[in-house]
Amino acid sequence: MRRHASKENDDAEIDMTPMLDIVFIMLIFFIVTSSFLKEAGIEINRPDASTSVKADKANIMIAVTAKNEVWMEKRRVDIRAVRANVERLRAENPEGSVVIQADVDSKSGVVMEVVDAVRKANVKDYIVATKEQ
């Protein structure tokens, strides 16, 4: 007797495990290699400057608003607390620089108080941010 070869209707299935592994590895790669922008916590209308230079490694952001409020790490701080906050953040990352973002309508006296507080915190590499032209 001869047996007839029966055709089995096997549904072809694709194993998704290797593809998911690759997706997760790519996700981890992009998270590790991406750079995150730190902000002071409020939008500032910066003044124009023809001699502006792009700064790398800006880790400590200080913003002075048009209402002369000082913001650091997405919260409003008192002008007298700027020095202590800068010293604390500088101890966490000694390589980073300080960026002061002053609004066009802020008083220069408040901005100079912030600059003095940064200098009293023994920070020599601070930048006053302007718009790119």
Foldseek 3Di string as FASTA:
>chain_A
DDDDDDDDDDDDDDDCVVVVVVVVVVVVVCVVPDDDDDEQQDDAAFAADPPDDDDPQADWEWEQHLVRFITTRNDTDDLVCLLVVLLVVCVVPVVHEYEYEYHPNHDVVSVVSNVVSNVVNVGDHYYYDHDDD
